């Protein structure tokens, strides 16, 4: 089994990414990746663009692997919108099903955290100690 096949089994949600590097740093697993696509659609007008304006690195938390935190270091490109009437001159690409604007967690992890928060209903988790008595 190759590394690519192993990553596809362990991280199926990362299938839309080109994995450049995986390393262990302290108690975390770091994955350096970028989108496979060469174009992106403007979130305001929907115009598809291939004109890259710039790029930057974005760090996003992923679900834990083997009890270790997993952090994605995504190389995100900013594209120029080709529609002259659009208010957005540039926009950042998003990986469908994985990232959202300003998100710090991947979509599956965000959904999991929301489910846990709704199940707890704002109450402390069972077995946790409180500093003051709750009334």
N, C-alpha and C. Protein backbone atom coordinates (compact mmCIF):
# COMPACT_ATOMS: atom_id res chain seq x y z
N UNK A 1 0.85 -1.18 0.00
CA UNK A 1 0.00 0.00 0.00
C UNK A 1 0.90 1.24 0.00
N UNK A 2 0.62 2.15 -0.90
CA UNK A 2 1.41 3.38 -0.98
C UNK A 2 0.92 4.39 0.06
N UNK A 3 1.70 5.44 0.26
CA UNK A 3 1.33 6.49 1.20
C UNK A 3 0.03 7.16 0.76
N UNK A 4 -0.12 7.39 -0.53
CA UNK A 4 -1.34 8.03 -1.05
C UNK A 4 -2.57 7.17 -0.78
N UNK A 5 -2.43 5.86 -0.96
CA UNK A 5 -3.55 4.95 -0.69
C UNK A 5 -3.88 4.92 0.80
N UNK A 6 -2.85 4.93 1.64
CA UNK A 6 -3.05 4.93 3.08
C UNK A 6 -3.76 6.22 3.52
N UNK A 7 -3.33 7.36 2.99
CA UNK A 7 -3.97 8.63 3.33
C UNK A 7 -5.43 8.65 2.86
N UNK A 8 -5.71 8.05 1.70
CA UNK A 8 -7.09 8.00 1.20
C UNK A 8 -7.98 7.18 2.12
N UNK A 9 -7.44 6.14 2.75
CA UNK A 9 -8.20 5.31 3.68
C UNK A 9 -8.42 6.04 5.00
N UNK A 10 -7.35 6.64 5.53
CA UNK A 10 -7.42 7.30 6.84
C UNK A 10 -8.10 8.67 6.78
N UNK A 11 -7.96 9.37 5.67
CA UNK A 11 -8.49 10.72 5.53
C UNK A 11 -9.31 10.86 4.24
N UNK A 12 -10.45 10.19 4.12
CA UNK A 12 -11.21 10.27 2.87
C UNK A 12 -11.73 11.68 2.58
N UNK A 13 -11.91 12.49 3.61
CA UNK A 13 -12.40 13.86 3.42
C UNK A 13 -11.34 14.76 2.79
N UNK A 14 -10.10 14.31 2.72
CA UNK A 14 -9.03 15.09 2.11
C UNK A 14 -8.77 14.70 0.65
N UNK A 15 -9.70 13.97 0.05
CA UNK A 15 -9.51 13.49 -1.32
C UNK A 15 -9.36 14.63 -2.32
N UNK A 16 -9.95 15.78 -2.06
CA UNK A 16 -9.87 16.91 -2.98
C UNK A 16 -8.60 17.72 -2.83
N UNK A 17 -7.68 17.26 -2.01
CA UNK A 17 -6.45 18.00 -1.76
C UNK A 17 -5.23 17.26 -2.30
N UNK A 18 -4.23 18.02 -2.66
CA UNK A 18 -2.92 17.48 -3.01
C UNK A 18 -2.09 17.53 -1.73
N UNK A 19 -1.78 16.37 -1.16
CA UNK A 19 -1.01 16.30 0.08
C UNK A 19 0.47 16.45 -0.27
N UNK A 20 1.11 17.47 0.25
CA UNK A 20 2.51 17.72 -0.04
C UNK A 20 3.44 17.15 1.03
N UNK A 21 3.00 17.18 2.29
CA UNK A 21 3.89 16.75 3.37
C UNK A 21 3.07 16.37 4.60
N UNK A 22 3.45 15.31 5.27
CA UNK A 22 2.84 14.90 6.54
C UNK A 22 3.96 14.70 7.54
N UNK A 23 3.81 15.31 8.71
CA UNK A 23 4.84 15.14 9.73
C UNK A 23 4.20 15.17 11.11
N UNK A 24 4.95 14.69 12.05
CA UNK A 24 4.53 14.74 13.45
C UNK A 24 5.34 15.81 14.14
N UNK A 25 4.65 16.72 14.81
CA UNK A 25 5.32 17.82 15.49
C UNK A 25 4.82 17.85 16.93
N UNK A 26 5.64 17.36 17.86
CA UNK A 26 5.21 17.29 19.25
C UNK A 26 4.06 16.32 19.40
N UNK A 27 2.92 16.83 19.86
CA UNK A 27 1.74 15.98 20.06
C UNK A 27 0.72 16.14 18.95
N UNK A 28 1.13 16.70 17.81
CA UNK A 28 0.18 16.90 16.73
C UNK A 28 0.71 16.34 15.41
N UNK A 29 -0.23 16.04 14.53
CA UNK A 29 0.08 15.61 13.17
C UNK A 29 -0.19 16.80 12.27
N UNK A 30 0.79 17.19 11.48
CA UNK A 30 0.67 18.35 10.58
C UNK A 30 0.62 17.84 9.15
N UNK A 31 -0.39 18.30 8.42
CA UNK A 31 -0.55 17.93 7.02
C UNK A 31 -0.49 19.20 6.19
N UNK A 32 0.49 19.27 5.31
CA UNK A 32 0.63 20.41 4.41
C UNK A 32 0.00 20.01 3.08
N UNK A 33 -0.98 20.80 2.62
CA UNK A 33 -1.73 20.43 1.42
C UNK A 33 -2.20 21.66 0.65
N UNK A 34 -2.72 21.40 -0.56
CA UNK A 34 -3.30 22.46 -1.39
C UNK A 34 -4.41 21.85 -2.23
N UNK A 35 -5.28 22.69 -2.74
CA UNK A 35 -6.41 22.21 -3.55
C UNK A 35 -5.89 21.67 -4.88
N UNK A 36 -6.58 20.66 -5.40
CA UNK A 36 -6.20 20.07 -6.68
C UNK A 36 -6.73 20.88 -7.87
N UNK A 37 -7.79 21.62 -7.65
CA UNK A 37 -8.43 22.33 -8.75
C UNK A 37 -7.58 23.50 -9.23
N UNK A 38 -7.82 23.91 -10.47
CA UNK A 38 -7.09 25.05 -11.04
C UNK A 38 -7.96 26.29 -11.14
N UNK A 39 -9.20 26.18 -10.70
CA UNK A 39 -10.13 27.30 -10.79
C UNK A 39 -11.07 27.30 -9.60
N UNK A 40 -11.76 28.42 -9.41
CA UNK A 40 -12.73 28.54 -8.31
C UNK A 40 -13.83 29.50 -8.75
N UNK A 41 -15.01 29.34 -8.14
CA UNK A 41 -16.15 30.20 -8.45
C UNK A 41 -16.27 31.31 -7.42
N UNK A 42 -16.54 32.50 -7.89
CA UNK A 42 -16.73 33.65 -7.00
C UNK A 42 -17.95 33.41 -6.12
N UNK A 43 -17.84 33.59 -4.80
CA UNK A 43 -18.98 33.34 -3.92
C UNK A 43 -20.11 34.36 -4.10
N UNK A 44 -19.84 35.53 -4.67
CA UNK A 44 -20.87 36.54 -4.86
C UNK A 44 -21.65 36.37 -6.15
N UNK A 45 -20.93 36.22 -7.26
CA UNK A 45 -21.63 36.18 -8.56
C UNK A 45 -21.59 34.81 -9.23
N UNK A 46 -20.72 33.93 -8.77
CA UNK A 46 -20.65 32.58 -9.34
C UNK A 46 -19.76 32.45 -10.56
N UNK A 47 -19.10 33.53 -10.96
CA UNK A 47 -18.22 33.49 -12.12
C UNK A 47 -16.99 32.64 -11.80
N UNK A 48 -16.67 31.70 -12.69
CA UNK A 48 -15.52 30.83 -12.49
C UNK A 48 -14.27 31.55 -12.99
N UNK A 49 -13.22 31.50 -12.18
CA UNK A 49 -11.98 32.20 -12.51
C UNK A 49 -10.79 31.27 -12.39
N UNK A 50 -9.81 31.48 -13.27
CA UNK A 50 -8.53 30.78 -13.19
C UNK A 50 -7.39 31.76 -12.93
N UNK A 51 -7.71 33.03 -12.80
CA UNK A 51 -6.71 34.08 -12.62
C UNK A 51 -6.33 34.19 -11.14
N UNK A 52 -5.16 33.70 -10.80
CA UNK A 52 -4.70 33.71 -9.41
C UNK A 52 -4.14 35.09 -9.07
N UNK A 53 -4.62 35.66 -7.99
CA UNK A 53 -4.15 36.97 -7.52
C UNK A 53 -2.97 36.80 -6.57
N UNK A 54 -3.12 35.91 -5.58
CA UNK A 54 -2.07 35.66 -4.59
C UNK A 54 -2.40 34.37 -3.86
N UNK A 55 -1.61 34.03 -2.86
CA UNK A 55 -1.90 32.84 -2.04
C UNK A 55 -1.39 33.08 -0.62
N UNK A 56 -1.91 32.28 0.30
CA UNK A 56 -1.50 32.36 1.69
C UNK A 56 -1.75 31.01 2.35
N UNK A 57 -1.16 30.82 3.53
CA UNK A 57 -1.35 29.57 4.27
C UNK A 57 -2.44 29.74 5.31
N UNK A 58 -3.29 28.75 5.39
CA UNK A 58 -4.40 28.75 6.35
C UNK A 58 -4.27 27.49 7.20
N UNK A 59 -4.35 27.64 8.53
CA UNK A 59 -4.29 26.49 9.43
C UNK A 59 -5.69 26.16 9.91
N UNK A 60 -6.08 24.89 9.71
CA UNK A 60 -7.42 24.44 10.06
C UNK A 60 -7.31 23.15 10.87
N UNK A 61 -8.07 23.06 11.96
CA UNK A 61 -8.07 21.86 12.79
C UNK A 61 -8.89 20.76 12.13
N UNK A 62 -8.37 19.55 12.19
CA UNK A 62 -9.04 18.37 11.67
C UNK A 62 -9.35 17.45 12.85
N UNK A 63 -10.08 16.39 12.62
CA UNK A 63 -10.38 15.44 13.68
C UNK A 63 -9.10 14.75 14.14
N UNK A 64 -9.05 14.35 15.40
CA UNK A 64 -7.85 13.75 15.97
C UNK A 64 -7.57 12.39 15.35
N UNK A 65 -6.30 12.06 15.26
CA UNK A 65 -5.86 10.77 14.75
C UNK A 65 -4.99 10.12 15.81
N UNK A 66 -5.39 8.96 16.29
CA UNK A 66 -4.60 8.26 17.29
C UNK A 66 -4.42 9.06 18.56
N UNK A 67 -5.42 9.87 18.92
CA UNK A 67 -5.34 10.69 20.11
C UNK A 67 -4.47 11.92 19.97
N UNK A 68 -4.03 12.21 18.77
CA UNK A 68 -3.20 13.39 18.52
C UNK A 68 -3.99 14.39 17.67
N UNK A 69 -3.85 15.67 18.01
CA UNK A 69 -4.53 16.68 17.21
C UNK A 69 -3.97 16.67 15.80
N UNK A 70 -4.81 16.99 14.84
CA UNK A 70 -4.40 17.04 13.44
C UNK A 70 -4.65 18.44 12.92
N UNK A 71 -3.65 19.03 12.33
CA UNK A 71 -3.77 20.39 11.82
C UNK A 71 -3.41 20.39 10.34
N UNK A 72 -4.32 20.96 9.54
CA UNK A 72 -4.08 21.10 8.11
C UNK A 72 -3.45 22.47 7.85
N UNK A 73 -2.36 22.48 7.12
CA UNK A 73 -1.75 23.72 6.66
C UNK A 73 -2.10 23.81 5.18
N UNK A 74 -3.18 24.52 4.88
CA UNK A 74 -3.65 24.61 3.50
C UNK A 74 -3.07 25.82 2.79
N UNK A 75 -2.57 25.61 1.59
CA UNK A 75 -2.13 26.71 0.75
C UNK A 75 -3.36 27.16 -0.03
N UNK A 76 -3.87 28.32 0.32
CA UNK A 76 -5.10 28.85 -0.27
C UNK A 76 -4.75 29.91 -1.30
N UNK A 77 -5.41 29.85 -2.46
CA UNK A 77 -5.19 30.85 -3.49
C UNK A 77 -6.32 31.88 -3.49
N UNK A 78 -5.97 33.11 -3.76
CA UNK A 78 -6.96 34.16 -3.98
C UNK A 78 -7.06 34.35 -5.48
N UNK A 79 -8.29 34.36 -5.97
CA UNK A 79 -8.54 34.52 -7.40
C UNK A 79 -9.12 35.90 -7.67
N UNK A 80 -8.92 36.38 -8.89
CA UNK A 80 -9.56 37.62 -9.34
C UNK A 80 -10.90 37.25 -9.97
N UNK A 81 -11.94 37.99 -9.62
CA UNK A 81 -13.24 37.76 -10.22
C UNK A 81 -13.25 38.41 -11.61
N UNK A 82 -13.67 37.65 -12.61
CA UNK A 82 -13.68 38.14 -13.99
C UNK A 82 -14.89 38.97 -14.34
N UNK A 83 -15.87 39.04 -13.44
CA UNK A 83 -17.09 39.82 -13.69
C UNK A 83 -16.86 41.26 -13.25
N UNK A 84 -16.86 42.19 -14.19
CA UNK A 84 -16.61 43.60 -13.87
C UNK A 84 -17.70 44.21 -12.99
N UNK A 85 -18.91 43.65 -13.05
CA UNK A 85 -20.02 44.19 -12.27
C UNK A 85 -20.06 43.65 -10.84
N UNK A 86 -19.23 42.68 -10.53
CA UNK A 86 -19.22 42.07 -9.20
C UNK A 86 -18.46 42.96 -8.22
N UNK A 87 -18.99 43.07 -7.01
CA UNK A 87 -18.33 43.89 -5.97
C UNK A 87 -17.06 43.23 -5.45
N UNK A 88 -16.97 41.92 -5.56
CA UNK A 88 -15.79 41.20 -5.08
C UNK A 88 -14.73 41.21 -6.18
N UNK A 89 -13.66 41.92 -5.96
CA UNK A 89 -12.57 41.95 -6.94
C UNK A 89 -11.71 40.71 -6.84
N UNK A 90 -11.49 40.23 -5.60
CA UNK A 90 -10.75 38.99 -5.37
C UNK A 90 -11.53 38.15 -4.36
N UNK A 91 -11.27 36.86 -4.36
CA UNK A 91 -11.92 35.95 -3.41
C UNK A 91 -11.00 34.77 -3.16
N UNK A 92 -11.14 34.18 -1.98
CA UNK A 92 -10.33 33.01 -1.61
C UNK A 92 -11.06 31.73 -1.99
N UNK A 93 -10.29 30.76 -2.47
CA UNK A 93 -10.90 29.48 -2.83
C UNK A 93 -11.33 28.74 -1.57
N UNK A 94 -12.38 27.93 -1.69
CA UNK A 94 -12.84 27.06 -0.62
C UNK A 94 -12.84 25.63 -1.15
N UNK A 95 -12.52 24.70 -0.29
CA UNK A 95 -12.55 23.28 -0.66
C UNK A 95 -13.93 22.77 -0.26
N UNK A 96 -14.78 22.39 -1.24
CA UNK A 96 -16.15 21.96 -0.91
C UNK A 96 -16.18 20.79 0.07
N UNK A 97 -17.02 20.92 1.09
CA UNK A 97 -17.17 19.88 2.10
C UNK A 97 -16.06 19.86 3.13
N UNK A 98 -15.10 20.78 3.01
CA UNK A 98 -13.98 20.79 3.94
C UNK A 98 -13.79 22.15 4.62
N UNK A 99 -13.88 23.23 3.87
CA UNK A 99 -13.66 24.56 4.44
C UNK A 99 -14.84 25.48 4.19
N UNK A 100 -14.98 26.46 5.07
CA UNK A 100 -15.94 27.55 4.91
C UNK A 100 -15.21 28.85 5.20
N UNK A 101 -15.77 29.96 4.76
CA UNK A 101 -15.13 31.26 4.99
C UNK A 101 -14.91 31.48 6.49
N UNK A 102 -13.73 31.89 6.84
CA UNK A 102 -13.31 32.22 8.20
C UNK A 102 -13.37 31.02 9.16
N UNK A 103 -13.60 29.82 8.65
CA UNK A 103 -13.69 28.64 9.51
C UNK A 103 -12.32 28.20 10.01
N UNK A 104 -12.27 27.80 11.26
CA UNK A 104 -11.03 27.30 11.85
C UNK A 104 -11.03 25.79 12.01
N UNK A 105 -12.16 25.17 11.70
CA UNK A 105 -12.31 23.72 11.77
C UNK A 105 -12.81 23.22 10.43
N UNK A 106 -12.43 21.98 10.06
CA UNK A 106 -12.99 21.41 8.85
C UNK A 106 -14.48 21.17 9.08
N UNK A 107 -15.27 21.11 8.02
CA UNK A 107 -16.72 20.99 8.14
C UNK A 107 -17.14 19.75 8.94
N UNK A 108 -16.57 18.55 8.69
CA UNK A 108 -16.99 17.39 9.51
C UNK A 108 -16.72 17.57 11.01
N UNK A 109 -15.60 18.18 11.37
CA UNK A 109 -15.30 18.41 12.78
C UNK A 109 -16.24 19.45 13.37
N UNK A 110 -16.54 20.48 12.62
CA UNK A 110 -17.47 21.51 13.06
C UNK A 110 -18.86 20.90 13.34
N UNK A 111 -19.30 20.02 12.45
CA UNK A 111 -20.59 19.34 12.64
C UNK A 111 -20.57 18.48 13.90
N UNK A 112 -19.48 17.76 14.11
CA UNK A 112 -19.34 16.93 15.31
C UNK A 112 -19.38 17.78 16.57
N UNK A 113 -18.66 18.89 16.59
CA UNK A 113 -18.65 19.77 17.76
C UNK A 113 -20.03 20.38 18.02
N UNK A 114 -20.75 20.73 16.97
CA UNK A 114 -22.10 21.27 17.13
C UNK A 114 -23.04 20.21 17.70
N UNK A 115 -22.90 18.98 17.25
CA UNK A 115 -23.74 17.89 17.76
C UNK A 115 -23.49 17.66 19.24
N UNK A 116 -22.23 17.67 19.64
CA UNK A 116 -21.89 17.49 21.05
C UNK A 116 -22.45 18.65 21.88
N UNK A 117 -22.29 19.87 21.39
CA UNK A 117 -22.77 21.04 22.12
C UNK A 117 -24.29 21.00 22.27
N UNK A 118 -25.00 20.59 21.23
CA UNK A 118 -26.46 20.50 21.33
C UNK A 118 -26.89 19.38 22.27
N UNK A 119 -26.16 18.26 22.27
CA UNK A 119 -26.50 17.15 23.16
C UNK A 119 -26.31 17.54 24.63
N UNK A 120 -25.26 18.31 24.90
CA UNK A 120 -25.01 18.74 26.27
C UNK A 120 -25.93 19.88 26.68
N UNK A 121 -26.42 20.62 25.73
CA UNK A 121 -27.36 21.70 26.03
C UNK A 121 -26.80 22.77 26.95
N UNK A 122 -25.50 23.01 26.87
CA UNK A 122 -24.89 24.04 27.70
C UNK A 122 -24.54 23.57 29.10
N UNK A 123 -24.85 22.32 29.43
CA UNK A 123 -24.52 21.78 30.76
C UNK A 123 -23.09 21.23 30.73
N UNK A 124 -22.45 21.20 31.89
CA UNK A 124 -21.11 20.59 31.92
C UNK A 124 -21.22 19.09 31.66
N UNK A 125 -20.19 18.52 31.13
CA UNK A 125 -20.17 17.08 30.84
C UNK A 125 -20.27 16.28 32.13
N UNK A 126 -20.89 15.10 32.10
CA UNK A 126 -20.99 14.28 33.30
C UNK A 126 -19.60 13.94 33.85
N UNK A 127 -19.47 14.01 35.16
CA UNK A 127 -18.21 13.66 35.80
C UNK A 127 -17.24 14.81 35.93
N UNK A 128 -17.57 15.97 35.36
CA UNK A 128 -16.66 17.10 35.51
C UNK A 128 -16.93 17.79 36.83
N UNK A 129 -15.90 18.33 37.41
CA UNK A 129 -16.02 19.02 38.69
C UNK A 129 -16.21 20.51 38.43
N UNK A 130 -17.06 21.11 39.22
CA UNK A 130 -17.27 22.55 39.10
C UNK A 130 -16.63 23.23 40.29
N UNK A 131 -16.21 24.46 40.09
CA UNK A 131 -15.58 25.23 41.15
C UNK A 131 -16.63 25.74 42.13
N UNK A 132 -17.79 26.10 41.61
CA UNK A 132 -18.87 26.62 42.46
C UNK A 132 -20.12 25.76 42.23
N UNK A 133 -21.02 25.69 43.20
CA UNK A 133 -22.23 24.87 43.00
C UNK A 133 -23.15 25.52 41.97
N UNK A 134 -23.65 24.71 41.07
CA UNK A 134 -24.59 25.19 40.06
C UNK A 134 -26.00 25.11 40.62
N UNK A 135 -26.80 26.12 40.40
CA UNK A 135 -28.18 26.14 40.89
C UNK A 135 -29.14 26.18 39.77
